[in-house]
Amino acid sequence: MSPHDRRAMAQWCAVGSVVALIALCLAWELVLAPLRPGGSTLALKALPLLLPLRGLIHGRRYTYQWTSMFILLWWAEGLMRVWSDAGLSRWLAGGEVLLATVCFVAVSCYAKWTRPSVLAAEND
């Protein structure tokens, strides 16, 4: 696999996991297992995930760097709800942890593989 292919794979894993995480958060808190019948305001936790989406799609390295720390908020929230919730909500929280982990690994790899020193070495 060429370095360009690895970067493209990491980019699409990052974008895909963020989009899936947005969908999961909305479905979870509005339909599948809301805290209150009719939906929960916790669905608003999906909105901040829109912030890095444009930079991830366009391959901006700085966005990948700060997203690696930003996504840990959803990872921690999912981990706490895996621990404390029961039933379907526990499974959805596990999905949140899984998607946040995929995103973290993907953005970390992309940031590493697009370092100026790595790109310069490829061009030599």
PDB file of N, CA and C in Angstrom:
ATOM      1  N   MET A   1       0.858  -1.183   0.000  1.00  0.00           N
ATOM      2  CA  MET A   1       0.000   0.000   0.000  1.00  0.00           C
ATOM      3  C   MET A   1       0.896   1.237   0.000  1.00  0.00           C
ATOM      4  N   SER A   2       0.634   2.117  -0.918  1.00  0.00           N
ATOM      5  CA  SER A   2       1.456   3.320  -1.042  1.00  0.00           C
ATOM      6  C   SER A   2       1.130   4.307   0.085  1.00  0.00           C
ATOM      7  N   PRO A   3       2.055   5.213   0.377  1.00  0.00           N
ATOM      8  CA  PRO A   3       1.783   6.222   1.414  1.00  0.00           C
ATOM      9  C   PRO A   3       0.536   7.051   1.113  1.00  0.00           C
ATOM     10  N   HIS A   4       0.319   7.361  -0.157  1.00  0.00           N
ATOM     11  CA  HIS A   4      -0.881   8.121  -0.532  1.00  0.00           C
ATOM     12  C   HIS A   4      -2.149   7.324  -0.215  1.00  0.00           C
ATOM     13  N   ASP A   5      -2.124   6.027  -0.493  1.00  0.00           N
ATOM     14  CA  ASP A   5      -3.284   5.177  -0.199  1.00  0.00           C
ATOM     15  C   ASP A   5      -3.548   5.087   1.301  1.00  0.00           C
ATOM     16  N   ARG A   6      -2.470   5.003   2.089  1.00  0.00           N
ATOM     17  CA  ARG A   6      -2.639   4.960   3.551  1.00  0.00           C
ATOM     18  C   ARG A   6      -3.268   6.243   4.061  1.00  0.00           C
ATOM     19  N   ARG A   7      -2.802   7.380   3.550  1.00  0.00           N
ATOM     20  CA  ARG A   7      -3.376   8.658   3.971  1.00  0.00           C
ATOM     21  C   ARG A   7      -4.843   8.754   3.568  1.00  0.00           C
ATOM     22  N   ALA A   8      -5.167   8.320   2.367  1.00  0.00           N
ATOM     23  CA  ALA A   8      -6.561   8.364   1.908  1.00  0.00           C
ATOM     24  C   ALA A   8      -7.442   7.455   2.759  1.00  0.00           C
ATOM     25  N   MET A   9      -6.931   6.276   3.111  1.00  0.00           N
ATOM     26  CA  MET A   9      -7.703   5.362   3.948  1.00  0.00           C
ATOM     27  C   MET A   9      -7.935   5.963   5.338  1.00  0.00           C
ATOM     28  N   ALA A  10      -6.899   6.560   5.911  1.00  0.00           N
ATOM     29  CA  ALA A  10      -7.044   7.188   7.228  1.00  0.00           C
ATOM     30  C   ALA A  10      -8.031   8.347   7.164  1.00  0.00           C
ATOM     31  N   GLN A  11      -7.975   9.125   6.087  1.00  0.00           N
ATOM     32  CA  GLN A  11      -8.890  10.260   5.943  1.00  0.00           C
ATOM     33  C   GLN A  11     -10.336   9.781   5.879  1.00  0.00           C
ATOM     34  N   TRP A  12     -10.617   8.784   5.061  1.00  0.00           N
ATOM     35  CA  TRP A  12     -12.001   8.331   4.925  1.00  0.00           C
ATOM     36  C   TRP A  12     -12.476   7.571   6.157  1.00  0.00           C
ATOM     37  N   CYS A  13     -11.585   6.911   6.878  1.00  0.00           N
ATOM     38  CA  CYS A  13     -11.977   6.302   8.161  1.00  0.00           C
ATOM     39  C   CYS A  13     -12.352   7.393   9.162  1.00  0.00           C
ATOM     40  N   ALA A  14     -11.588   8.471   9.180  1.00  0.00           N
ATOM     41  CA  ALA A  14     -11.879   9.579  10.094  1.00  0.00           C
ATOM     42  C   ALA A  14     -13.207  10.234   9.749  1.00  0.00           C
ATOM     43  N   VAL A  15     -13.405  10.571   8.493  1.00  0.00           N
ATOM     44  CA  VAL A  15     -14.654  11.216   8.071  1.00  0.00           C
ATOM     45  C   VAL A  15     -15.835  10.284   8.310  1.00  0.00           C
ATOM     46  N   GLY A  16     -15.695   9.031   7.929  1.00  0.00           N
ATOM     47  CA  GLY A  16     -16.779   8.064   8.107  1.00  0.00           C
ATOM     48  C   GLY A  16     -17.144   7.845   9.557  1.00  0.00           C
ATOM     49  N   SER A  17     -16.146   7.774  10.427  1.00  0.00           N
ATOM     50  CA  SER A  17     -16.446   7.553  11.841  1.00  0.00           C
ATOM     51  C   SER A  17     -17.106   8.776  12.474  1.00  0.00           C
ATOM     52  N   VAL A  18     -16.723   9.976  12.061  1.00  0.00           N
ATOM     53  CA  VAL A  18     -17.369  11.179  12.600  1.00  0.00           C
ATOM     54  C   VAL A  18     -18.820  11.266  12.119  1.00  0.00           C
ATOM     55  N   VAL A  19     -19.054  10.994  10.847  1.00  0.00           N
ATOM     56  CA  VAL A  19     -20.429  11.016  10.322  1.00  0.00           C
ATOM     57  C   VAL A  19     -21.273   9.945  11.011  1.00  0.00           C
ATOM     58  N   ALA A  20     -20.713   8.749  11.182  1.00  0.00           N
ATOM     59  CA  ALA A  20     -21.436   7.678  11.873  1.00  0.00           C
ATOM     60  C   ALA A  20     -21.696   8.044  13.333  1.00  0.00           C
ATOM     61  N   LEU A  21     -20.747   8.718  13.964  1.00  0.00           N
ATOM     62  CA  LEU A  21     -20.928   9.141  15.351  1.00  0.00           C
ATOM     63  C   LEU A  21     -22.024  10.193  15.473  1.00  0.00           C
ATOM     64  N   ILE A  22     -22.108  11.099  14.521  1.00  0.00           N
ATOM     65  CA  ILE A  22     -23.193  12.087  14.506  1.00  0.00           C
ATOM     66  C   ILE A  22     -24.533  11.372  14.386  1.00  0.00           C
ATOM     67  N   ALA A  23     -24.623  10.435  13.448  1.00  0.00           N
ATOM     68  CA  ALA A  23     -25.871   9.687  13.251  1.00  0.00           C
ATOM     69  C   ALA A  23     -26.231   8.878  14.492  1.00  0.00           C
ATOM     70  N   LEU A  24     -25.241   8.242  15.100  1.00  0.00           N
ATOM     71  CA  LEU A  24     -25.490   7.451  16.305  1.00  0.00           C
ATOM     72  C   LEU A  24     -25.992   8.325  17.445  1.00  0.00           C
ATOM     73  N   CYS A  25     -25.343   9.453  17.672  1.00  0.00           N
ATOM     74  CA  CYS A  25     -25.753  10.343  18.769  1.00  0.00           C
ATOM     75  C   CYS A  25     -27.184  10.839  18.574  1.00  0.00           C
ATOM     76  N   LEU A  26     -27.523  11.222  17.357  1.00  0.00           N
ATOM     77  CA  LEU A  26     -28.879  11.706  17.087  1.00  0.00           C
ATOM     78  C   LEU A  26     -29.909  10.593  17.246  1.00  0.00           C
ATOM     79  N   ALA A  27     -29.633   9.432  16.664  1.00  0.00           N
ATOM     80  CA  ALA A  27     -30.580   8.315  16.765  1.00  0.00           C
ATOM     81  C   ALA A  27     -30.736   7.859  18.211  1.00  0.00           C
ATOM     82  N   TRP A  28     -29.650   7.796  18.932  1.00  0.00           N
ATOM     83  CA  TRP A  28     -29.658   7.334  20.316  1.00  0.00           C
ATOM     84  C   TRP A  28     -30.505   8.246  21.188  1.00  0.00           C
ATOM     85  N   GLU A  29     -30.248   9.532  21.133  1.00  0.00           N
ATOM     86  CA  GLU A  29     -30.899  10.460  22.057  1.00  0.00           C
ATOM     87  C   GLU A  29     -32.280  10.928  21.600  1.00  0.00           C
ATOM     88  N   LEU A  30     -32.619  10.724  20.334  1.00  0.00           N
ATOM     89  CA  LEU A  30     -33.937  11.154  19.853  1.00  0.00           C
ATOM     90  C   LEU A  30     -34.916   9.998  19.676  1.00  0.00           C
ATOM     91  N   VAL A  31     -34.415   8.807  19.312  1.00  0.00           N
ATOM     92  CA  VAL A  31     -35.321   7.721  18.942  1.00  0.00           C
ATOM     93  C   VAL A  31     -35.074   6.432  19.721  1.00  0.00           C
ATOM     94  N   LEU A  32     -33.860   5.922  19.682  1.00  0.00           N
ATOM     95  CA  LEU A  32     -33.589   4.568  20.156  1.00  0.00           C
ATOM     96  C   LEU A  32     -33.673   4.399  21.669  1.00  0.00           C
ATOM     97  N   ALA A  33     -32.985   5.237  22.414  1.00  0.00           N
ATOM     98  CA  ALA A  33     -32.973   5.098  23.873  1.00  0.00           C
ATOM     99  C   ALA A  33     -32.791   6.459  24.542  1.00  0.00           C
ATOM    100  N   PRO A  34     -33.726   7.400  24.318  1.00  0.00           N
ATOM    101  CA  PRO A  34     -33.569   8.726  24.939  1.00  0.00           C
ATOM    102  C   PRO A  34     -33.742   8.646  26.457  1.00  0.00           C
ATOM    103  N   LEU A  35     -33.155   9.602  27.151  1.00  0.00           N
ATOM    104  CA  LEU A  35     -33.306   9.638  28.609  1.00  0.00           C
ATOM    105  C   LEU A  35     -34.745   9.907  29.013  1.00  0.00           C
ATOM    106  N   ARG A  36     -35.442  10.713  28.217  1.00  0.00           N
ATOM    107  CA  ARG A  36     -36.854  11.024  28.469  1.00  0.00           C
ATOM    108  C   ARG A  36     -37.666  10.654  27.231  1.00  0.00           C
ATOM    109  N   PRO A  37     -38.898  10.199  27.425  1.00  0.00           N
ATOM    110  CA  PRO A  37     -39.729   9.879  26.254  1.00  0.00           C
ATOM    111  C   PRO A  37     -39.889  11.104  25.344  1.00  0.00           C
ATOM    112  N   GLY A  38     -39.803  10.878  24.054  1.00  0.00           N
ATOM    113  CA  GLY A  38     -39.946  11.977  23.104  1.00  0.00           C
ATOM    114  C   GLY A  38     -38.632  12.616  22.715  1.00  0.00           C
ATOM    115  N   GLY A  39     -37.540  12.179  23.290  1.00  0.00           N
ATOM    116  CA  GLY A  39     -36.230  12.727  22.933  1.00  0.00           C
ATOM    117  C   GLY A  39     -35.574  13.440  24.090  1.00  0.00           C
ATOM    118  N   SER A  40     -34.299  13.614  23.970  1.00  0.00           N
ATOM    119  CA  SER A  40     -33.498  14.217  25.028  1.00  0.00           C
ATOM    120  C   SER A  40     -32.647  15.339  24.443  1.00  0.00           C
ATOM    121  N   THR A  41     -32.395  16.340  25.257  1.00  0.00           N
ATOM    122  CA  THR A  41     -31.524  17.428  24.799  1.00  0.00           C
ATOM    123  C   THR A  41     -30.072  16.961  24.655  1.00  0.00           C
ATOM    124  N   LEU A  42     -29.773  15.754  25.110  1.00  0.00           N
ATOM    125  CA  LEU A  42     -28.427  15.220  24.905  1.00  0.00           C
ATOM    126  C   LEU A  42     -28.116  15.006  23.427  1.00  0.00           C
ATOM    127  N   ALA A  43     -29.144  15.063  22.583  1.00  0.00           N
ATOM    128  CA  ALA A  43     -28.911  14.966  21.137  1.00  0.00           C
ATOM    129  C   ALA A  43     -28.047  16.126  20.655  1.00  0.00           C
ATOM    130  N   LEU A  44     -28.023  17.203  21.413  1.00  0.00           N
ATOM    131  CA  LEU A  44     -27.196  18.357  21.042  1.00  0.00           C
ATOM    132  C   LEU A  44     -25.704  18.040  21.079  1.00  0.00           C
ATOM    133  N   LYS A  45     -25.344  16.923  21.720  1.00  0.00           N
ATOM    134  CA  LYS A  45     -23.927  16.550  21.760  1.00  0.00           C
ATOM    135  C   LYS A  45     -23.396  16.209  20.370  1.00  0.00           C
ATOM    136  N   ALA A  46     -24.290  16.006  19.409  1.00  0.00           N
ATOM    137  CA  ALA A  46     -23.862  15.724  18.033  1.00  0.00           C
ATOM    138  C   ALA A  46     -23.416  16.994  17.306  1.00  0.00           C
ATOM    139  N   LEU A  47     -23.911  18.142  17.721  1.00  0.00           N
ATOM    140  CA  LEU A  47     -23.597  19.394  17.014  1.00  0.00           C
ATOM    141  C   LEU A  47     -22.106  19.739  16.990  1.00  0.00           C
ATOM    142  N   PRO A  48     -21.381  19.634  18.110  1.00  0.00           N
ATOM    143  CA  PRO A  48     -19.953  19.968  18.047  1.00  0.00           C
ATOM    144  C   PRO A  48     -19.153  19.073  17.097  1.00  0.00           C
ATOM    145  N   LEU A  49     -19.682  17.893  16.795  1.00  0.00           N
ATOM    146  CA  LEU A  49     -18.985  17.010  15.862  1.00  0.00           C
ATOM    147  C   LEU A  49     -18.986  17.552  14.436  1.00  0.00           C
ATOM    148  N   LEU A  50     -19.840  18.531  14.177  1.00  0.00           N
ATOM    149  CA  LEU A  50     -19.852  19.159  12.853  1.00  0.00           C
ATOM    150  C   LEU A  50     -18.650  20.088  12.657  1.00  0.00           C
ATOM    151  N   LEU A  51     -18.074  20.575  13.760  1.00  0.00           N
ATOM    152  CA  LEU A  51     -16.959  21.531  13.669  1.00  0.00           C
ATOM    153  C   LEU A  51     -15.760  21.011  12.871  1.00  0.00           C
ATOM    154  N   PRO A  52     -15.270  19.811  13.145  1.00  0.00           N
ATOM    155  CA  PRO A  52     -14.085  19.375  12.396  1.00  0.00           C
ATOM    156  C   PRO A  52     -14.384  18.775  11.028  1.00  0.00           C
ATOM    157  N   LEU A  53     -15.637  18.565  10.705  1.00  0.00           N
ATOM    158  CA  LEU A  53     -15.985  17.804   9.506  1.00  0.00           C
ATOM    159  C   LEU A  53     -15.420  18.401   8.213  1.00  0.00           C
ATOM    160  N   ARG A  54     -15.525  19.700   8.035  1.00  0.00           N
ATOM    161  CA  ARG A  54     -15.028  20.335   6.803  1.00  0.00           C
ATOM    162  C   ARG A  54     -13.512  20.169   6.670  1.00  0.00           C
ATOM    163  N   GLY A  55     -12.799  20.400   7.764  1.00  0.00           N
ATOM    164  CA  GLY A  55     -11.346  20.246   7.724  1.00  0.00           C
ATOM    165  C   GLY A  55     -10.915  18.807   7.490  1.00  0.00           C
ATOM    166  N   LEU A  56     -11.675  17.858   8.036  1.00  0.00           N
ATOM    167  CA  LEU A  56     -11.357  16.448   7.808  1.00  0.00           C
ATOM    168  C   LEU A  56     -11.570  16.080   6.341  1.00  0.00           C
ATOM    169  N   ILE A  57     -12.666  16.547   5.784  1.00  0.00           N
ATOM    170  CA  ILE A  57     -12.965  16.245   4.379  1.00  0.00           C
ATOM    171  C   ILE A  57     -11.899  16.830   3.457  1.00  0.00           C
ATOM    172  N   HIS A  58     -11.412  18.025   3.771  1.00  0.00           N
ATOM    173  CA  HIS A  58     -10.419  18.694   2.925  1.00  0.00           C
ATOM    174  C   HIS A  58      -8.977  18.307   3.268  1.00  0.00           C
ATOM    175  N   GLY A  59      -8.781  17.427   4.249  1.00  0.00           N
ATOM    176  CA  GLY A  59      -7.444  16.932   4.565  1.00  0.00           C
ATOM    177  C   GLY A  59      -6.536  17.936   5.238  1.00  0.00           C
ATOM    178  N   ARG A  60      -7.079  18.810   6.047  1.00  0.00           N
ATOM    179  CA  ARG A  60      -6.267  19.823   6.735  1.00  0.00           C
ATOM    180  C   ARG A  60      -5.607  19.204   7.973  1.00  0.00           C
ATOM    181  N   ARG A  61      -4.309  19.152   7.954  1.00  0.00           N
ATOM    182  CA  ARG A  61      -3.548  18.477   9.009  1.00  0.00           C
ATOM    183  C   ARG A  61      -3.840  19.044  10.395  1.00  0.00           C
ATOM    184  N   TYR A  62      -3.934  20.353  10.519  1.00  0.00           N
ATOM    185  CA  TYR A  62      -4.197  20.963  11.825  1.00  0.00           C
ATOM    186  C   TYR A  62      -5.536  20.489  12.391  1.00  0.00           C
ATOM    187  N   THR A  63      -6.545  20.339  11.537  1.00  0.00           N
ATOM    188  CA  THR A  63      -7.843  19.839  11.992  1.00  0.00           C
ATOM    189  C   THR A  63      -7.697  18.422  12.526  1.00  0.00           C
ATOM    190  N   TYR A  64      -6.914  17.605  11.854  1.00  0.00           N
ATOM    191  CA  TYR A  64      -6.692  16.239  12.323  1.00  0.00           C
ATOM    192  C   TYR A  64      -6.000  16.241  13.682  1.00  0.00           C
ATOM    193  N   GLN A  65      -5.075  17.153  13.881  1.00  0.00           N
ATOM    194  CA  GLN A  65      -4.355  17.211  15.149  1.00  0.00           C
ATOM    195  C   GLN A  65      -5.289  17.547  16.305  1.00  0.00           C
ATOM    196  N   TRP A  66      -6.112  18.601  16.170  1.00  0.00           N
ATOM    197  CA  TRP A  66      -6.965  18.956  17.305  1.00  0.00           C
ATOM    198  C   TRP A  66      -8.147  18.010  17.440  1.00  0.00           C
ATOM    199  N   THR A  67      -8.566  17.379  16.360  1.00  0.00           N
ATOM    200  CA  THR A  67      -9.650  16.405  16.454  1.00  0.00           C
ATOM    201  C   THR A  67      -9.215  15.189  17.262  1.00  0.00           C
ATOM    202  N   SER A  68      -7.927  14.868  17.245  1.00  0.00           N
ATOM    203  CA  SER A  68      -7.456  13.720  18.028  1.00  0.00           C
ATOM    204  C   SER A  68      -7.706  13.919  19.521  1.00  0.00           C
ATOM    205  N   MET A  69      -7.676  15.151  19.988  1.00  0.00           N
ATOM    206  CA  MET A  69      -7.986  15.422  21.397  1.00  0.00           C
ATOM    207  C   MET A  69      -9.480  15.657  21.597  1.00  0.00           C
ATOM    208  N   PHE A  70     -10.112  16.299  20.650  1.00  0.00           N
ATOM    209  CA  PHE A  70     -11.531  16.649  20.707  1.00  0.00           C
ATOM    210  C   PHE A  70     -12.414  15.405  20.784  1.00  0.00           C
ATOM    211  N   ILE A  71     -12.076  14.369  20.031  1.00  0.00           N
ATOM    212  CA  ILE A  71     -12.911  13.169  19.952  1.00  0.00           C
ATOM    213  C   ILE A  71     -12.889  12.387  21.265  1.00  0.00           C
ATOM    214  N   LEU A  72     -11.900  12.640  22.095  1.00  0.00           N
ATOM    215  CA  LEU A  72     -11.814  11.933  23.374  1.00  0.00           C
ATOM    216  C   LEU A  72     -12.969  12.286  24.308  1.00  0.00           C
ATOM    217  N   LEU A  73     -13.635  13.419  24.086  1.00  0.00           N
ATOM    218  CA  LEU A  73     -14.824  13.758  24.881  1.00  0.00           C
ATOM    219  C   LEU A  73     -15.929  12.733  24.649  1.00  0.00           C
ATOM    220  N   TRP A  74     -16.139  12.325  23.400  1.00  0.00           N
ATOM    221  CA  TRP A  74     -17.169  11.329  23.085  1.00  0.00           C
ATOM    222  C   TRP A  74     -16.737   9.950  23.548  1.00  0.00           C
ATOM    223  N   TRP A  75     -15.450   9.674  23.477  1.00  0.00           N
ATOM    224  CA  TRP A  75     -14.930   8.401  23.966  1.00  0.00           C
ATOM    225  C   TRP A  75     -15.186   8.273  25.466  1.00  0.00           C
ATOM    226  N   ALA A  76     -14.882   9.336  26.213  1.00  0.00           N
ATOM    227  CA  ALA A  76     -15.080   9.312  27.666  1.00  0.00           C
ATOM    228  C   ALA A  76     -16.564   9.228  28.023  1.00  0.00           C
ATOM    229  N   GLU A  77     -17.403   9.975  27.309  1.00  0.00           N
ATOM    230  CA  GLU A  77     -18.843   9.930  27.581  1.00  0.00           C
ATOM    231  C   GLU A  77     -19.394   8.535  27.302  1.00  0.00           C
ATOM    232  N   GLY A  78     -18.971   7.933  26.215  1.00  0.00           N
ATOM    233  CA  GLY A  78     -19.414   6.582  25.891  1.00  0.00           C
ATOM    234  C   GLY A  78     -18.949   5.577  26.922  1.00  0.00           C
ATOM    235  N   LEU A  79     -17.718   5.708  27.364  1.00  0.00           N
ATOM    236  CA  LEU A  79     -17.186   4.793  28.371  1.00  0.00           C
ATOM    237  C   LEU A  79     -17.958   4.907  29.683  1.00  0.00           C
ATOM    238  N   MET A  80     -18.281   6.124  30.084  1.00  0.00           N
ATOM    239  CA  MET A  80     -19.060   6.309  31.316  1.00  0.00           C
ATOM    240  C   MET A  80     -20.459   5.714  31.182  1.00  0.00           C
ATOM    241  N   ARG A  81     -21.063   5.839  30.011  1.00  0.00           N
ATOM    242  CA  ARG A  81     -22.411   5.301  29.825  1.00  0.00           C
ATOM    243  C   ARG A  81     -22.401   3.786  29.642  1.00  0.00           C
ATOM    244  N   VAL A  82     -21.323   3.223  29.132  1.00  0.00           N
ATOM    245  CA  VAL A  82     -21.192   1.761  29.115  1.00  0.00           C
ATOM    246  C   VAL A  82     -21.185   1.257  30.551  1.00  0.00           C
ATOM    247  N   TRP A  83     -20.506   1.986  31.400  1.00  0.00           N
ATOM    248  CA  TRP A  83     -20.377   1.608  32.803  1.00  0.00           C
ATOM    249  C   TRP A  83     -21.685   1.789  33.566  1.00  0.00           C
ATOM    250  N   SER A  84     -22.427   2.855  33.293  1.00  0.00           N
ATOM    251  CA  SER A  84     -23.575   3.204  34.137  1.00  0.00           C
ATOM    252  C   SER A  84     -24.939   2.831  33.566  1.00  0.00           C
ATOM    253  N   ASP A  85     -25.087   2.790  32.246  1.00  0.00           N
ATOM    254  CA  ASP A  85     -26.397   2.522  31.648  1.00  0.00           C
ATOM    255  C   ASP A  85     -26.650   1.021  31.544  1.00  0.00           C
ATOM    256  N   ALA A  86     -27.898   0.696  31.204  1.00  0.00           N
ATOM    257  CA  ALA A  86     -28.282  -0.706  31.021  1.00  0.00           C
ATOM    258  C   ALA A  86     -29.044  -0.847  29.713  1.00  0.00           C
ATOM    259  N   GLY A  87     -29.181  -2.075  29.259  1.00  0.00           N
ATOM    260  CA  GLY A  87     -29.990  -2.355  28.082  1.00  0.00           C
ATOM    261  C   GLY A  87     -29.405  -1.795  26.798  1.00  0.00           C
ATOM    262  N   LEU A  88     -30.299  -1.320  25.933  1.00  0.00           N
ATOM    263  CA  LEU A  88     -29.898  -0.805  24.619  1.00  0.00           C
ATOM    264  C   LEU A  88     -28.936   0.375  24.738  1.00  0.00           C
ATOM    265  N   SER A  89     -29.139   1.198  25.738  1.00  0.00           N
ATOM    266  CA  SER A  89     -28.278   2.365  25.914  1.00  0.00           C
ATOM    267  C   SER A  89     -26.823   1.947  26.136  1.00  0.00           C
ATOM    268  N   ARG A  90     -26.617   0.846  26.829  1.00  0.00           N
ATOM    269  CA  ARG A  90     -25.254   0.351  27.050  1.00  0.00           C
ATOM    270  C   ARG A  90     -24.616  -0.065  25.720  1.00  0.00           C
ATOM    271  N   TRP A  91     -25.378  -0.726  24.868  1.00  0.00           N
ATOM    272  CA  TRP A  91     -24.865  -1.145  23.565  1.00  0.00           C
ATOM    273  C   TRP A  91     -24.569   0.059  22.671  1.00  0.00           C
ATOM    274  N   LEU A  92     -25.432   1.043  22.714  1.00  0.00           N
ATOM    275  CA  LEU A  92     -25.201   2.258  21.925  1.00  0.00           C
ATOM    276  C   LEU A  92     -23.960   2.995  22.420  1.00  0.00           C
ATOM    277  N   ALA A  93     -23.765   3.001  23.731  1.00  0.00           N
ATOM    278  CA  ALA A  93     -22.566   3.623  24.296  1.00  0.00           C
ATOM    279  C   ALA A  93     -21.313   2.870  23.848  1.00  0.00           C
ATOM    280  N   GLY A  94     -21.408   1.550  23.774  1.00  0.00           N
ATOM    281  CA  GLY A  94     -20.287   0.762  23.258  1.00  0.00           C
ATOM    282  C   GLY A  94     -19.973   1.119  21.814  1.00  0.00           C
ATOM    283  N   GLY A  95     -21.024   1.349  21.022  1.00  0.00           N
ATOM    284  CA  GLY A  95     -20.826   1.797  19.644  1.00  0.00           C
ATOM    285  C   GLY A  95     -20.160   3.155  19.586  1.00  0.00           C
ATOM    286  N   GLU A  96     -20.536   4.030  20.509  1.00  0.00           N
ATOM    287  CA  GLU A  96     -19.922   5.358  20.569  1.00  0.00           C
ATOM    288  C   GLU A  96     -18.434   5.245  20.888  1.00  0.00           C
ATOM    289  N   VAL A  97     -18.094   4.384  21.836  1.00  0.00           N
ATOM    290  CA  VAL A  97     -16.689   4.174  22.189  1.00  0.00           C
ATOM    291  C   VAL A  97     -15.923   3.614  20.988  1.00  0.00           C
ATOM    292  N   LEU A  98     -16.519   2.653  20.302  1.00  0.00           N
ATOM    293  CA  LEU A  98     -15.869   2.054  19.139  1.00  0.00           C
ATOM    294  C   LEU A  98     -15.631   3.085  18.033  1.00  0.00           C
ATOM    295  N   LEU A  99     -16.652   3.870  17.710  1.00  0.00           N
ATOM    296  CA  LEU A  99     -16.506   4.887  16.658  1.00  0.00           C
ATOM    297  C   LEU A  99     -15.497   5.965  17.051  1.00  0.00           C
ATOM    298  N   ALA A 100     -15.511   6.376  18.317  1.00  0.00           N
ATOM    299  CA  ALA A 100     -14.549   7.385  18.773  1.00  0.00           C
ATOM    300  C   ALA A 100     -13.121   6.832  18.720  1.00  0.00           C
ATOM    301  N   THR A 101     -12.966   5.543  19.026  1.00  0.00           N
ATOM    302  CA  THR A 101     -11.643   4.917  18.954  1.00  0.00           C
ATOM    303  C   THR A 101     -11.149   4.851  17.511  1.00  0.00           C
ATOM    304  N   VAL A 102     -12.032   4.449  16.595  1.00  0.00           N
ATOM    305  CA  VAL A 102     -11.670   4.407  15.171  1.00  0.00           C
ATOM    306  C   VAL A 102     -11.260   5.798  14.702  1.00  0.00           C
ATOM    307  N   CYS A 103     -12.029   6.803  15.092  1.00  0.00           N
ATOM    308  CA  CYS A 103     -11.717   8.178  14.700  1.00  0.00           C
ATOM    309  C   CYS A 103     -10.367   8.611  15.272  1.00  0.00           C
ATOM    310  N   PHE A 104     -10.120   8.325  16.532  1.00  0.00           N
ATOM    311  CA  PHE A 104      -8.864   8.712  17.167  1.00  0.00           C
ATOM    312  C   PHE A 104      -7.669   8.085  16.449  1.00  0.00           C
ATOM    313  N   VAL A 105      -7.759   6.799  16.174  1.00  0.00           N
ATOM    314  CA  VAL A 105      -6.658   6.114  15.489  1.00  0.00           C
ATOM    315  C   VAL A 105      -6.467   6.684  14.083  1.00  0.00           C
ATOM    316  N   ALA A 106      -7.568   6.903  13.373  1.00  0.00           N
ATOM    317  CA  ALA A 106      -7.480   7.413  11.998  1.00  0.00           C
ATOM    318  C   ALA A 106      -6.881   8.815  11.950  1.00  0.00           C
ATOM    319  N   VAL A 107      -7.341   9.721  12.819  1.00  0.00           N
ATOM    320  CA  VAL A 107      -6.806  11.089  12.774  1.00  0.00           C
ATOM    321  C   VAL A 107      -5.357  11.128  13.246  1.00  0.00           C
ATOM    322  N   SER A 108      -5.004  10.271  14.200  1.00  0.00           N
ATOM    323  CA  SER A 108      -3.615  10.217  14.658  1.00  0.00           C
ATOM    324  C   SER A 108      -2.697   9.716  13.547  1.00  0.00           C
ATOM    325  N   CYS A 109      -3.126   8.671  12.849  1.00  0.00           N
ATOM    326  CA  CYS A 109      -2.322   8.148  11.737  1.00  0.00           C
ATOM    327  C   CYS A 109      -2.195   9.180  10.624  1.00  0.00           C
ATOM    328  N   TYR A 110      -3.289   9.839  10.290  1.00  0.00           N
ATOM    329  CA  TYR A 110      -3.242  10.844   9.221  1.00  0.00           C
ATOM    330  C   TYR A 110      -2.288  11.976   9.600  1.00  0.00           C
ATOM    331  N   ALA A 111      -2.377  12.447  10.841  1.00  0.00           N
ATOM    332  CA  ALA A 111      -1.490  13.531  11.280  1.00  0.00           C
ATOM    333  C   ALA A 111      -0.025  13.086  11.232  1.00  0.00           C
ATOM    334  N   LYS A 112       0.225  11.839  11.606  1.00  0.00           N
ATOM    335  CA  LYS A 112       1.594  11.323  11.575  1.00  0.00           C
ATOM    336  C   LYS A 112       2.094  11.188  10.139  1.00  0.00           C
ATOM    337  N   TRP A 113       1.253  10.675   9.265  1.00  0.00           N
ATOM    338  CA  TRP A 113       1.658  10.407   7.883  1.00  0.00           C
ATOM    339  C   TRP A 113       1.719  11.660   7.019  1.00  0.00           C
ATOM    340  N   THR A 114       1.238  12.793   7.527  1.00  0.00           N
ATOM    341  CA  THR A 114       1.308  14.037   6.748  1.00  0.00           C
ATOM    342  C   THR A 114       2.272  15.047   7.372  1.00  0.00           C
ATOM    343  N   ARG A 115       3.117  14.585   8.282  1.00  0.00           N
ATOM    344  CA  ARG A 115       4.150  15.473   8.824  1.00  0.00           C
ATOM    345  C   ARG A 115       5.024  15.968   7.680  1.00  0.00           C
ATOM    346  N   PRO A 116       5.456  17.217   7.753  1.00  0.00           N
ATOM    347  CA  PRO A 116       6.312  17.746   6.678  1.00  0.00           C
ATOM    348  C   PRO A 116       7.558  16.894   6.432  1.00  0.00           C
ATOM    349  N   SER A 117       8.162  16.358   7.496  1.00  0.00           N
ATOM    350  CA  SER A 117       9.369  15.542   7.313  1.00  0.00           C
ATOM    351  C   SER A 117       9.055  14.241   6.570  1.00  0.00           C
ATOM    352  N   VAL A 118       7.897  13.662   6.824  1.00  0.00           N
ATOM    353  CA  VAL A 118       7.504  12.430   6.131  1.00  0.00           C
ATOM    354  C   VAL A 118       7.222  12.723   4.663  1.00  0.00           C
ATOM    355  N   LEU A 119       6.502  13.801   4.401  1.00  0.00           N
ATOM    356  CA  LEU A 119       6.189  14.164   3.016  1.00  0.00           C
ATOM    357  C   LEU A 119       7.450  14.510   2.232  1.00  0.00           C
ATOM    358  N   ALA A 120       8.399  15.190   2.886  1.00  0.00           N
ATOM    359  CA  ALA A 120       9.654  15.543   2.216  1.00  0.00           C
ATOM    360  C   ALA A 120      10.465  14.290   1.891  1.00  0.00           C
ATOM    361  N   ALA A 121      10.470  13.319   2.805  1.00  0.00           N
ATOM    362  CA  ALA A 121      11.207  12.077   2.571  1.00  0.00           C
ATOM    363  C   ALA A 121      10.599  11.286   1.414  1.00  0.00           C
ATOM    364  N   GLU A 122       9.285  11.362   1.254  1.00  0.00           N
ATOM    365  CA  GLU A 122       8.623  10.665   0.140  1.00  0.00           C
ATOM    366  C   GLU A 122       8.991  11.282  -1.202  1.00  0.00           C
ATOM    367  N   ASN A 123       9.196  12.587  -1.214  1.00  0.00           N
ATOM    368  CA  ASN A 123       9.497  13.284  -2.469  1.00  0.00           C
ATOM    369  C   ASN A 123      10.954  13.138  -2.897  1.00  0.00           C
ATOM    370  N   ASP A 124      11.786  12.673  -1.980  1.00  0.00           N
ATOM    371  CA  ASP A 124      13.218  12.515  -2.313  1.00  0.00           C
ATOM    372  C   ASP A 124      13.476  11.251  -3.086  1.00  0.00           C
TER     373      ASP A 124
END
